[in-house]
Amino acid sequence: MPKVLISDKLSPAAIDIFKRRGIDVTVKTGLAPAELREIIGEFDGLAIRSATKVTRELLDAATNLKVIGRAGIGVDNVDVKSATARGVVVMNTPYGNAITTAEHAIGLMFALARELPEASASTKAGKWEKNRFMGVELTGKTLGLIGAGNIGSIVADRALGLKMRVLAYDPYLTEARATTLGVEKADLDTVLARADFITLHTPLTEQTRNILSRESIARTKPGVRIINCARGGLVDEAALYDALKSGHVAGAALDVFEVEPAKESPLFALPNVVCTPHLGAATTEAQENVALQVAEQISDFLLTGAVTNAINMASVSAEDAPRLKPYMELCQLLGSFAGQLTEARQGVIRKVGIEYEGAAAHVNQRPLSAALFAGLLAPMMEGVNMVNAPVFARDHGIELAETVFDRDCEYQTLIRVSVTTDEQTRTVSGTLFGGAKPRLVEVKGIKVEADFGRHMLYVTNRDKPGFIAQCSAILAEKGINIATFHLGRTEKGGDAVCLISIDETLPDDALAAIRALPQVMQATQISF
């Protein structure tokens, strides 16, 4: 039974989901980092919100951890790079609180435009300063979006309903998507120069940190109002303070800050600043939604292998997971086979090519390629799995070329792998027999049909009489039983391939004896 730790406060409904799905769930919130490190090693999954900090040190202690689920969008509190290196899937729930956060941004925009917090405080103090609070309308104003993803697109929709014009800056926004949203795609300088209101909806990365820097704020339209419900650190708070004091920026509404909890800030003293304590996702509906989603996602992954909303690997839906499982197994075995055949003397791997034909051309190939890389690199590197294998491959300069052939082929499905080293390129191909059982069908261009046995002996030799008898005699002498024996050749007297499934590991002296046979060019023991 998989074990999951909930280390931050989640809805009780999430606990019920884990239990109903057959997950052993433990709830321990408010743990100090040292306390969490002491117990994390026994858990397969970790469900968190923003309070738990998943550091490299915590991951070092998480020897059994397979998945981290963040109930919410931001994963700033997770060392994703370290998690990926350790093969831990990191998931978030990007949709559960999107509407809530977008509504909060719109609410702050209204509050800022009509000076609602100051007007409320004044009225409650017994004043009636009707002439003091002269706001502005939103209708007809230009809203500048920085980030047009899930939340930004909802904000755009609501703003259009308020009869605002919307400019959107997002490097990933296509013209077609902008047309669908009803917004004008623009570069950052255009947004800064034309927007009456600017609202931020982008994650905090090295590229977006201080995207509203002192220089950027100076390029904004005089009298602009700025709203940030995304992440602290997107706005240079010191520069914003100076711009608010000078009047260049008419007002700001902040739900997030560079340092949280934000107990003190020069911005708090300014009357044209509206502040809330990171309430973007703080509605009953959002808290329930993200808790339910993260519980379902973690459960799906641990029980079926489904990967949803992962930050660091390809997604596999719960519906696709059973269908993809045999393809992923085939890819992992093909990669492992090719990796074990790649000897150090042949140089480092430079390029991997993967070709998908037949039924394999019509499934999600991203997790298949990840599984293949995991199998390929496992013989050479420790701790490799589907999560970190593509990263390891990229870090080691291995080029990947994927080709999908939407055409009929000799088999119902065919996956061909080519591995290029400094010395040579080797190909192996496989299919699914009966749609489910992995089978080798080609090695080095030579047709040979063989099941993947737990222990195998791979031999390339010259096609001459006597080899089979000599090889079998060596195995018999060492008491090694042969399970299956598969042969293939290019032509009579040419190069040949021999794949022998054996019942146990081959002793080193037996392997050396086979390699010493005059017909043998390569002999390698393969284990799965």
Protein backbone atom coordinates (compact mmCIF):
# COMPACT_ATOMS: atom_id res chain seq x y z
CA MET A 1 0.00 0.00 0.00
CA PRO A 2 1.54 3.35 -1.03
CA LYS A 3 2.08 5.85 1.79
CA VAL A 4 1.40 9.57 1.49
CA LEU A 5 2.23 12.35 3.93
CA ILE A 6 0.10 15.51 4.06
CA SER A 7 2.37 18.15 5.63
CA ASP A 8 0.19 21.24 5.11
CA LYS A 9 -3.45 21.90 5.92
CA LEU A 10 -5.73 20.36 3.27
CA SER A 11 -9.46 19.82 3.11
CA PRO A 12 -10.62 16.67 4.94
CA ALA A 13 -12.12 15.60 1.62
CA ALA A 14 -8.57 15.04 0.32
CA ILE A 15 -7.87 12.62 3.16
CA ASP A 16 -11.08 10.76 2.33
CA ILE A 17 -9.97 10.43 -1.32
CA PHE A 18 -6.63 8.90 -0.34
CA LYS A 19 -8.29 6.41 1.98
CA ARG A 20 -10.97 5.50 -0.52
CA ARG A 21 -8.32 4.88 -3.20
CA GLY A 22 -6.41 2.53 -0.88
CA ILE A 23 -3.60 4.93 0.04
CA ASP A 24 -2.11 4.87 3.55
CA VAL A 25 -2.32 8.58 4.44
CA THR A 26 -0.66 10.39 7.36
CA VAL A 27 -1.42 14.00 8.30
CA LYS A 28 1.32 15.92 10.14
CA THR A 29 1.22 19.67 9.64
CA GLY A 30 3.42 22.40 11.05
CA LEU A 31 6.54 20.22 11.24
CA ALA A 32 9.93 21.88 11.56
CA PRO A 33 12.34 21.08 8.70
CA ALA A 34 14.36 18.69 10.89
CA GLU A 35 11.21 16.88 12.01
CA LEU A 36 10.04 16.47 8.43
CA ARG A 37 13.43 15.11 7.36
CA GLU A 38 13.25 12.47 10.10
CA ILE A 39 10.04 10.91 8.78
CA ILE A 40 9.96 11.66 5.03
CA GLY A 41 11.97 8.55 4.12
CA GLU A 42 9.03 6.22 4.71
CA PHE A 43 6.63 7.96 2.29
CA ASP A 44 5.99 7.46 -1.44
CA GLY A 45 4.06 10.70 -1.86
CA LEU A 46 4.03 14.17 -0.29
CA ALA A 47 1.01 16.52 -0.48
CA ILE A 48 1.77 20.16 0.31
CA ARG A 49 0.56 23.71 -0.05
CA SER A 50 2.91 26.68 0.34
CA ALA A 51 4.09 26.25 3.94
CA THR A 52 6.25 23.15 3.45
CA LYS A 53 9.63 23.89 1.87
CA VAL A 54 10.84 20.94 -0.21
CA THR A 55 14.58 21.56 -0.22
CA ARG A 56 17.48 19.54 -1.52
CA GLU A 57 18.22 18.44 2.04
CA LEU A 58 14.67 17.15 2.46
CA LEU A 59 14.86 15.32 -0.86
CA ASP A 60 18.15 13.71 0.19
CA ALA A 61 16.27 12.17 3.11
CA ALA A 62 13.25 11.19 1.00
CA THR A 63 14.66 7.87 -0.14
CA ASN A 64 11.30 6.38 -1.17
CA LEU A 65 9.60 9.53 -2.43
CA LYS A 66 8.11 9.25 -5.92
CA VAL A 67 5.75 12.20 -6.21
CA ILE A 68 5.18 15.66 -4.72
CA GLY A 69 1.73 17.18 -5.17
CA ARG A 70 1.33 20.93 -4.66
CA ALA A 71 -2.27 21.95 -3.96
CA GLY A 72 -2.09 25.20 -5.90
CA ILE A 73 -0.23 26.67 -8.84
CA GLY A 74 3.13 27.95 -7.66
CA VAL A 75 5.94 25.54 -6.88
CA ASP A 76 8.39 28.18 -5.62
CA ASN A 77 8.64 26.23 -2.36
CA VAL A 78 9.84 23.09 -4.18
CA ASP A 79 13.40 22.57 -5.43
CA VAL A 80 12.16 21.19 -8.75
CA LYS A 81 15.67 20.76 -10.14
CA SER A 82 16.74 18.57 -7.23
CA ALA A 83 13.46 16.65 -7.32
CA THR A 84 13.95 15.96 -11.02
CA ALA A 85 17.53 14.81 -10.50
CA ARG A 86 16.25 12.34 -7.91
CA GLY A 87 13.47 11.13 -10.20
CA VAL A 88 10.61 12.59 -8.17
CA VAL A 89 7.57 13.81 -10.09
CA VAL A 90 6.42 17.31 -9.11
CA MET A 91 2.75 18.09 -9.78
CA ASN A 92 0.63 21.16 -9.21
CA THR A 93 -3.07 21.97 -9.64
CA PRO A 94 -3.14 24.88 -12.08
CA TYR A 95 -6.87 24.96 -12.63
CA GLY A 96 -8.40 24.53 -9.16
CA ASN A 97 -7.89 28.12 -8.04
CA ALA A 98 -7.62 29.90 -11.40
CA ILE A 99 -11.07 31.50 -11.24
CA THR A 100 -10.62 32.51 -7.60
CA THR A 101 -7.28 34.19 -8.26
CA ALA A 102 -8.58 35.93 -11.38
CA GLU A 103 -11.58 37.24 -9.47
CA HIS A 104 -9.27 38.55 -6.75
CA ALA A 105 -7.26 40.46 -9.36
CA ILE A 106 -10.44 41.98 -10.77
CA GLY A 107 -11.59 42.82 -7.22
CA LEU A 108 -8.31 44.56 -6.46
CA MET A 109 -8.57 46.49 -9.71
CA PHE A 110 -12.00 47.80 -8.65
CA ALA A 111 -10.70 48.59 -5.16
CA LEU A 112 -7.78 50.49 -6.64
CA ALA A 113 -9.85 52.37 -9.21
CA ARG A 114 -12.42 53.56 -6.65
CA GLU A 115 -10.15 53.79 -3.56
CA LEU A 116 -12.50 51.49 -1.70
CA PRO A 117 -10.30 50.52 1.30
CA GLU A 118 -9.46 54.14 2.14
CA ALA A 119 -13.06 55.23 1.62
CA SER A 120 -14.31 52.44 3.86
CA ALA A 121 -11.84 53.28 6.63
CA SER A 122 -12.73 56.98 6.41
CA THR A 123 -16.47 56.31 6.61
CA LYS A 124 -16.10 53.93 9.55
CA ALA A 125 -14.08 56.62 11.32
CA GLY A 126 -17.18 58.86 11.28
CA LYS A 127 -16.07 61.04 8.38
CA TRP A 128 -18.11 61.70 5.28
CA GLU A 129 -15.40 62.63 2.76
CA LYS A 130 -17.46 62.32 -0.37
CA ASN A 131 -15.32 64.74 -2.34
CA ARG A 132 -12.00 63.23 -1.24
CA PHE A 133 -12.37 59.92 -3.07
CA MET A 134 -12.53 60.66 -6.77
CA GLY A 135 -11.98 57.36 -8.59
CA VAL A 136 -11.76 56.33 -12.23
CA GLU A 137 -13.95 54.09 -14.38
CA LEU A 138 -12.70 50.83 -15.81
CA THR A 139 -14.88 51.06 -18.92
CA GLY A 140 -12.85 52.14 -21.92
CA LYS A 141 -9.52 51.78 -20.12
CA THR A 142 -6.68 49.62 -21.43
CA LEU A 143 -5.67 46.62 -19.32
CA GLY A 144 -2.17 45.28 -19.84
CA LEU A 145 -1.76 41.57 -19.06
CA ILE A 146 1.71 40.26 -18.30
CA GLY A 147 1.06 36.55 -18.66
CA ALA A 148 -1.92 35.14 -20.55
CA GLY A 149 -2.07 31.60 -19.21
CA ASN A 150 -4.89 30.01 -17.21
CA ILE A 151 -5.46 32.91 -14.82
CA GLY A 152 -4.50 35.69 -17.20
CA SER A 153 -6.97 34.48 -19.81
CA ILE A 154 -9.81 34.50 -17.22
CA VAL A 155 -8.86 38.03 -16.19
CA ALA A 156 -8.93 39.03 -19.85
CA ASP A 157 -12.41 37.55 -20.28
CA ARG A 158 -13.74 39.42 -17.22
CA ALA A 159 -12.06 42.66 -18.33
CA LEU A 160 -13.61 42.43 -21.78
CA GLY A 161 -16.97 42.02 -20.06
CA LEU A 162 -16.25 45.34 -18.32
CA LYS A 163 -15.70 46.90 -21.77
CA MET A 164 -11.96 47.32 -21.28
CA ARG A 165 -9.41 46.96 -24.06
CA VAL A 166 -6.88 44.21 -23.31
CA LEU A 167 -3.23 44.06 -24.36
CA ALA A 168 -1.40 40.82 -23.57
CA TYR A 169 2.30 40.15 -23.29
CA ASP A 170 3.22 36.47 -23.12
CA PRO A 171 6.07 34.85 -25.07
CA TYR A 172 3.94 31.71 -25.51
CA LEU A 173 0.80 33.47 -26.70
CA THR A 174 0.09 32.78 -30.37
CA GLU A 175 -1.80 35.11 -32.66
CA ALA A 176 -4.54 32.49 -33.00
CA ARG A 177 -4.91 32.17 -29.23
CA ALA A 178 -4.95 35.96 -28.84
CA THR A 179 -7.76 36.17 -31.38
CA THR A 180 -9.71 33.49 -29.51
CA LEU A 181 -9.29 35.40 -26.24
CA GLY A 182 -10.25 38.68 -27.88
CA VAL A 183 -7.03 40.41 -26.83
CA GLU A 184 -4.31 42.24 -28.70
CA LYS A 185 -0.94 40.50 -28.57
CA ALA A 186 1.83 42.97 -27.79
CA ASP A 187 5.43 43.13 -26.66
CA LEU A 188 6.30 44.24 -23.14
CA ASP A 189 7.27 47.78 -24.11
CA THR A 190 3.91 48.28 -25.83
CA VAL A 191 2.03 47.04 -22.77
CA LEU A 192 4.03 49.35 -20.50
CA ALA A 193 3.48 52.37 -22.72
CA ARG A 194 -0.25 51.95 -23.39
CA ALA A 195 -1.83 50.27 -20.36
CA ASP A 196 -3.90 52.21 -17.83
CA PHE A 197 -3.91 49.15 -15.57
CA ILE A 198 -1.25 46.41 -15.52
CA THR A 199 -1.89 43.05 -13.90
CA LEU A 200 0.68 40.27 -13.59
CA HIS A 201 -0.07 36.58 -14.07
CA THR A 202 3.24 34.83 -14.63
CA PRO A 203 5.34 32.41 -12.55
CA LEU A 204 8.47 33.66 -10.82
CA THR A 205 11.52 32.53 -12.78
CA GLU A 206 14.94 33.97 -13.46
CA GLN A 207 13.45 35.46 -16.64
CA THR A 208 10.45 37.07 -14.91
CA ARG A 209 12.05 38.20 -11.64
CA ASN A 210 11.62 42.00 -11.42
CA ILE A 211 9.88 42.06 -14.79
CA LEU A 212 8.54 45.36 -13.48
CA SER A 213 11.95 46.72 -12.60
CA ARG A 214 12.82 50.36 -11.97
CA GLU A 215 13.56 50.77 -15.68
CA SER A 216 10.33 49.02 -16.72
CA ILE A 217 8.20 51.07 -14.33
CA ALA A 218 9.79 54.24 -15.73
CA ARG A 219 8.53 53.21 -19.19
CA THR A 220 4.93 52.83 -18.04
CA LYS A 221 2.20 55.29 -18.90
CA PRO A 222 1.98 58.11 -16.32
CA GLY A 223 -0.91 57.44 -13.97
CA VAL A 224 -0.82 53.66 -14.45
CA ARG A 225 -2.21 51.38 -11.76
CA ILE A 226 -0.47 48.05 -11.05
CA ILE A 227 -2.00 44.84 -9.66
CA ASN A 228 0.01 41.77 -8.65
CA CYS A 229 -1.78 38.60 -7.53
CA ALA A 230 0.83 36.25 -9.01
CA ARG A 231 4.17 36.08 -7.21
CA GLY A 232 6.25 38.34 -5.03
CA GLY A 233 9.47 39.25 -6.80
CA LEU A 234 7.84 40.11 -10.11
CA VAL A 235 7.78 43.76 -9.07
CA ASP A 236 10.73 45.71 -7.68
CA GLU A 237 9.01 46.96 -4.50
CA ALA A 238 11.55 49.71 -3.79
CA ALA A 239 11.16 51.06 -7.32
CA LEU A 240 7.37 50.81 -7.05
CA TYR A 241 7.45 52.78 -3.79
CA ASP A 242 9.42 55.60 -5.43
CA ALA A 243 7.09 55.66 -8.45
CA LEU A 244 4.03 55.81 -6.19
CA LYS A 245 5.54 58.63 -4.13
CA SER A 246 6.36 60.62 -7.26
CA GLY A 247 2.89 60.10 -8.71
CA HIS A 248 4.12 58.38 -11.84
CA VAL A 249 2.22 55.30 -10.70
CA ALA A 250 -1.25 56.32 -9.50
CA GLY A 251 -1.81 53.25 -7.37
CA ALA A 252 -0.89 49.64 -6.70
CA ALA A 253 -2.74 46.62 -5.38
CA LEU A 254 -0.59 43.79 -4.06
CA ASP A 255 -1.61 40.36 -2.87
CA VAL A 256 1.95 38.98 -2.93
CA PHE A 257 5.28 40.32 -1.70
CA GLU A 258 9.01 39.72 -2.07
CA VAL A 259 9.16 38.46 1.53
CA GLU A 260 6.18 36.66 3.05
CA PRO A 261 4.58 36.90 5.46
CA ALA A 262 4.91 40.62 4.83
CA LYS A 263 4.65 42.09 8.32
CA GLU A 264 6.15 45.46 7.42
CA SER A 265 6.85 47.41 4.26
CA PRO A 266 7.23 51.08 3.27
CA LEU A 267 4.39 50.46 0.83
CA PHE A 268 1.95 49.97 3.73
CA ALA A 269 2.22 53.66 4.64
CA LEU A 270 1.04 54.88 1.23
CA PRO A 271 -2.65 55.74 0.84
CA ASN A 272 -2.67 54.72 -2.83
CA VAL A 273 -1.67 51.12 -2.10
CA VAL A 274 -4.13 48.28 -1.46
CA CYS A 275 -2.68 45.19 0.22
CA THR A 276 -4.04 41.73 0.99
CA PRO A 277 -2.21 38.79 2.62
CA HIS A 278 -1.82 36.40 -0.34
CA LEU A 279 -5.56 35.77 -0.64
CA GLY A 280 -5.58 34.96 -4.35
CA ALA A 281 -6.63 31.35 -3.82
CA ALA A 282 -8.37 31.89 -0.50
CA THR A 283 -11.96 30.90 -1.19
CA THR A 284 -13.83 27.90 0.10
CA GLU A 285 -14.35 26.63 -3.42
CA ALA A 286 -10.69 26.97 -4.43
CA GLN A 287 -9.32 25.33 -1.30
CA GLU A 288 -11.67 22.40 -1.80
CA ASN A 289 -10.88 22.11 -5.52
CA VAL A 290 -7.09 22.09 -5.24
CA ALA A 291 -7.16 19.65 -2.32
CA LEU A 292 -9.38 17.22 -4.21
CA GLN A 293 -7.30 17.56 -7.37
CA VAL A 294 -3.96 16.96 -5.69
CA ALA A 295 -5.31 13.91 -3.85
CA GLU A 296 -6.66 12.42 -7.07
CA GLN A 297 -3.46 13.18 -8.99
CA ILE A 298 -1.14 11.66 -6.39
CA SER A 299 -3.39 8.60 -6.07
CA ASP A 300 -3.57 8.12 -9.84
CA PHE A 301 0.20 8.28 -10.13
CA LEU A 302 0.96 5.88 -7.29
CA LEU A 303 -1.73 3.38 -8.29
CA THR A 304 -1.83 3.53 -12.10
CA GLY A 305 1.20 5.54 -13.23
CA ALA A 306 -0.99 8.37 -14.57
CA VAL A 307 0.81 11.72 -14.58
CA THR A 308 -1.34 14.87 -14.50
CA ASN A 309 -0.18 18.50 -14.36
CA ALA A 310 3.45 17.48 -13.84
CA ILE A 311 6.05 20.24 -13.80
CA ASN A 312 8.98 18.00 -14.72
CA MET A 313 7.74 15.19 -16.98
CA ALA A 314 5.24 14.41 -19.70
CA SER A 315 1.63 13.97 -18.64
CA VAL A 316 -0.15 10.63 -18.96
CA SER A 317 -3.89 10.71 -18.30
CA ALA A 318 -5.57 8.10 -16.13
CA GLU A 319 -7.40 6.91 -19.23
CA ASP A 320 -4.21 6.65 -21.29
CA ALA A 321 -2.03 5.04 -18.60
CA PRO A 322 -3.30 1.43 -19.10
CA ARG A 323 -3.14 1.78 -22.88
CA LEU A 324 0.36 3.27 -22.83
CA LYS A 325 1.76 0.81 -20.31
CA PRO A 326 2.80 -1.91 -22.81
CA TYR A 327 4.31 0.71 -25.16
CA MET A 328 6.29 2.22 -22.29
CA GLU A 329 7.46 -1.24 -21.23
CA LEU A 330 8.60 -1.97 -24.79
CA CYS A 331 10.46 1.36 -24.98
CA GLN A 332 12.15 0.80 -21.62
CA LEU A 333 13.28 -2.68 -22.70
CA LEU A 334 14.50 -1.47 -26.10
CA GLY A 335 16.42 1.35 -24.42
CA SER A 336 17.90 -1.03 -21.85
CA PHE A 337 18.87 -3.49 -24.56
CA ALA A 338 20.59 -0.78 -26.62
CA GLY A 339 22.25 0.70 -23.55
CA GLN A 340 23.72 -2.61 -22.42
CA LEU A 341 25.05 -3.28 -25.92
CA THR A 342 26.80 0.09 -26.00
CA GLU A 343 30.28 -0.62 -24.69
CA ALA A 344 32.60 2.03 -23.24
CA ARG A 345 35.21 1.39 -25.92
CA GLN A 346 32.71 2.55 -28.54
CA GLY A 347 32.73 6.07 -27.10
CA VAL A 348 29.99 8.14 -25.52
CA ILE A 349 26.47 8.28 -26.89
CA ARG A 350 26.03 11.28 -29.14
CA LYS A 351 22.57 10.84 -30.63
CA VAL A 352 19.45 8.76 -30.12
CA GLY A 353 16.84 8.37 -32.83
CA ILE A 354 13.38 6.97 -32.15
CA GLU A 355 10.96 6.03 -34.92
CA TYR A 356 7.29 5.25 -34.27
CA GLU A 357 5.22 3.34 -36.83
CA GLY A 358 1.85 1.65 -36.95
CA ALA A 359 -0.22 1.93 -33.77
CA ALA A 360 2.70 3.55 -31.95
CA ALA A 361 2.32 6.55 -34.26
CA HIS A 362 -1.12 7.28 -32.81
CA VAL A 363 -0.36 7.41 -29.07
CA ASN A 364 1.30 9.99 -26.84
CA GLN A 365 5.00 9.50 -27.62
CA ARG A 366 6.48 11.84 -24.98
CA PRO A 367 6.26 9.38 -22.08
CA LEU A 368 7.43 6.61 -24.43
CA SER A 369 10.59 8.53 -25.27
CA ALA A 370 11.16 9.25 -21.58
CA ALA A 371 10.81 5.53 -20.79
CA LEU A 372 13.26 4.67 -23.55
CA PHE A 373 15.85 7.14 -22.26
CA ALA A 374 15.41 5.73 -18.77
CA GLY A 375 16.18 2.24 -20.04
CA LEU A 376 19.07 3.44 -22.19
CA LEU A 377 20.87 5.40 -19.47
CA ALA A 378 20.21 3.07 -16.52
CA PRO A 379 23.20 0.79 -17.32
CA MET A 380 25.48 3.86 -17.29
CA MET A 381 24.04 6.07 -14.53
CA GLU A 382 22.56 5.47 -11.09
CA GLY A 383 19.08 6.58 -10.10
CA VAL A 384 17.74 7.06 -13.62
CA ASN A 385 13.99 6.94 -14.23
CA MET A 386 11.42 8.49 -16.56
CA VAL A 387 11.47 11.78 -14.68
CA ASN A 388 15.17 12.58 -14.80
CA ALA A 389 16.34 10.59 -17.84
CA PRO A 390 15.53 13.31 -20.43
CA VAL A 391 17.32 15.88 -18.24
CA PHE A 392 20.36 13.62 -17.79
CA ALA A 393 20.45 13.01 -21.54
CA ARG A 394 20.32 16.73 -22.27
CA ASP A 395 22.98 17.49 -19.65
CA HIS A 396 25.27 14.91 -21.30
CA GLY A 397 24.78 16.42 -24.74
CA ILE A 398 22.79 13.52 -26.19
CA GLU A 399 20.74 14.68 -29.15
CA LEU A 400 17.24 13.22 -29.55
CA ALA A 401 15.51 12.86 -32.90
CA GLU A 402 11.94 11.56 -32.92
CA THR A 403 10.14 10.57 -36.12
CA VAL A 404 6.51 9.51 -36.41
CA PHE A 405 5.52 7.59 -39.56
CA ASP A 406 1.77 7.62 -40.13
CA ARG A 407 1.88 4.65 -42.47
CA ASP A 408 1.28 0.93 -42.53
CA CYS A 409 4.19 -1.23 -41.49
CA GLU A 410 5.07 -4.90 -41.37
CA TYR A 411 3.91 -5.10 -37.76
CA GLN A 412 0.83 -3.72 -36.06
CA THR A 413 3.16 -1.44 -34.14
CA LEU A 414 6.90 -0.85 -34.52
CA ILE A 415 9.37 1.20 -32.50
CA ARG A 416 12.90 1.51 -33.86
CA VAL A 417 15.80 2.92 -31.82
CA SER A 418 19.14 4.03 -33.21
CA VAL A 419 22.02 4.83 -30.88
CA THR A 420 25.00 6.70 -32.31
CA THR A 421 28.33 6.72 -30.48
CA ASP A 422 31.76 8.00 -31.50
CA GLU A 423 32.38 4.69 -33.27
CA GLN A 424 29.09 3.45 -34.73
CA THR A 425 25.32 3.56 -35.01
CA ARG A 426 23.34 0.55 -33.79
CA THR A 427 19.63 -0.01 -34.32
CA VAL A 428 17.16 -2.20 -32.46
CA SER A 429 13.46 -2.55 -33.15
CA GLY A 430 10.56 -3.99 -31.22
CA THR A 431 6.86 -4.64 -31.45
CA LEU A 432 3.99 -5.67 -29.20
CA PHE A 433 2.94 -9.26 -29.81
CA GLY A 434 -0.79 -9.55 -29.37
CA GLY A 435 -0.87 -5.82 -28.64
CA ALA A 436 0.66 -6.26 -25.19
CA LYS A 437 3.78 -8.45 -25.05
CA PRO A 438 7.10 -6.75 -25.95
CA ARG A 439 9.24 -8.55 -28.53
CA LEU A 440 12.51 -7.80 -30.31
CA VAL A 441 12.22 -7.98 -34.11
CA GLU A 442 15.47 -6.49 -35.40
CA VAL A 443 19.04 -5.84 -34.24
CA LYS A 444 21.62 -4.03 -36.38
CA GLY A 445 19.37 -4.35 -39.40
CA ILE A 446 19.12 -8.12 -38.98
CA LYS A 447 15.67 -9.58 -38.46
CA VAL A 448 15.43 -11.72 -35.37
CA GLU A 449 12.29 -12.30 -33.34
CA ALA A 450 12.85 -12.89 -29.65
CA ASP A 451 11.10 -12.34 -26.34
CA PHE A 452 12.88 -10.28 -23.71
CA GLY A 453 14.19 -12.83 -21.21
CA ARG A 454 15.38 -11.93 -17.75
CA HIS A 455 18.90 -13.14 -18.60
CA MET A 456 20.07 -13.07 -22.20
CA LEU A 457 23.26 -13.59 -24.15
CA TYR A 458 23.66 -11.43 -27.24
CA VAL A 459 26.23 -12.54 -29.81
CA THR A 460 27.19 -11.15 -33.21
CA ASN A 461 29.18 -13.62 -35.25
CA ARG A 462 30.09 -14.70 -38.75
CA ASP A 463 27.59 -17.12 -40.22
CA LYS A 464 29.70 -20.27 -40.37
CA PRO A 465 28.95 -23.89 -39.39
CA GLY A 466 29.90 -24.97 -35.90
CA PHE A 467 29.18 -21.80 -33.95
CA ILE A 468 25.87 -22.96 -32.44
CA ALA A 469 27.40 -26.25 -31.30
CA GLN A 470 30.45 -24.57 -29.80
CA CYS A 471 28.41 -21.91 -27.98
CA SER A 472 25.92 -24.50 -26.66
CA ALA A 473 28.78 -26.71 -25.47
CA ILE A 474 30.27 -23.89 -23.40
CA LEU A 475 26.91 -23.19 -21.78
CA ALA A 476 26.34 -26.88 -21.09
CA GLU A 477 29.78 -27.21 -19.55
CA LYS A 478 28.98 -24.41 -17.12
CA GLY A 479 25.57 -25.88 -16.31
CA ILE A 480 23.68 -22.98 -17.90
CA ASN A 481 20.27 -24.02 -19.19
CA ILE A 482 19.02 -22.50 -22.46
CA ALA A 483 15.39 -21.28 -22.41
CA THR A 484 15.14 -19.98 -26.00
CA PHE A 485 17.55 -19.66 -28.92
CA HIS A 486 16.94 -17.10 -31.69
CA LEU A 487 19.02 -16.54 -34.81
CA GLY A 488 19.14 -14.05 -37.66
CA ARG A 489 21.57 -13.20 -40.43
CA THR A 490 22.08 -10.72 -43.24
CA GLU A 491 22.85 -13.42 -45.83
CA LYS A 492 24.41 -16.85 -46.07
CA GLY A 493 27.96 -16.60 -44.72
CA GLY A 494 27.46 -12.96 -43.67
CA ASP A 495 26.97 -11.33 -40.30
CA ALA A 496 24.65 -13.11 -37.91
CA VAL A 497 22.92 -12.35 -34.62
CA CYS A 498 22.24 -14.82 -31.86
CA LEU A 499 19.96 -14.13 -28.90
CA ILE A 500 19.90 -16.79 -26.20
CA SER A 501 17.63 -16.63 -23.15
CA ILE A 502 19.25 -18.42 -20.23
CA ASP A 503 17.97 -19.32 -16.79
CA GLU A 504 20.66 -17.58 -14.77
CA THR A 505 23.52 -15.13 -14.96
CA LEU A 506 26.42 -16.24 -17.14
CA PRO A 507 29.75 -16.63 -15.28
CA ASP A 508 32.57 -14.38 -16.44
CA ASP A 509 34.73 -17.28 -17.58
CA ALA A 510 31.90 -18.68 -19.73
CA LEU A 511 31.39 -15.27 -21.35
CA ALA A 512 35.13 -15.02 -21.99
CA ALA A 513 35.12 -18.47 -23.59
CA ILE A 514 32.30 -17.51 -25.95
CA ARG A 515 34.07 -14.28 -26.87
CA ALA A 516 37.17 -16.32 -27.71
CA LEU A 517 35.35 -18.38 -30.36
CA PRO A 518 36.80 -17.57 -33.79
CA GLN A 519 33.43 -16.65 -35.34
CA VAL A 520 32.42 -14.23 -32.56
CA MET A 521 32.69 -10.46 -33.01
CA GLN A 522 30.80 -9.40 -29.89
CA ALA A 523 29.27 -11.24 -26.96
CA THR A 524 27.38 -9.33 -24.27
CA GLN A 525 25.31 -10.48 -21.36
CA ILE A 526 21.97 -8.66 -21.07
CA SER A 527 19.80 -8.56 -17.96
CA PHE A 528 16.34 -7.06 -17.47
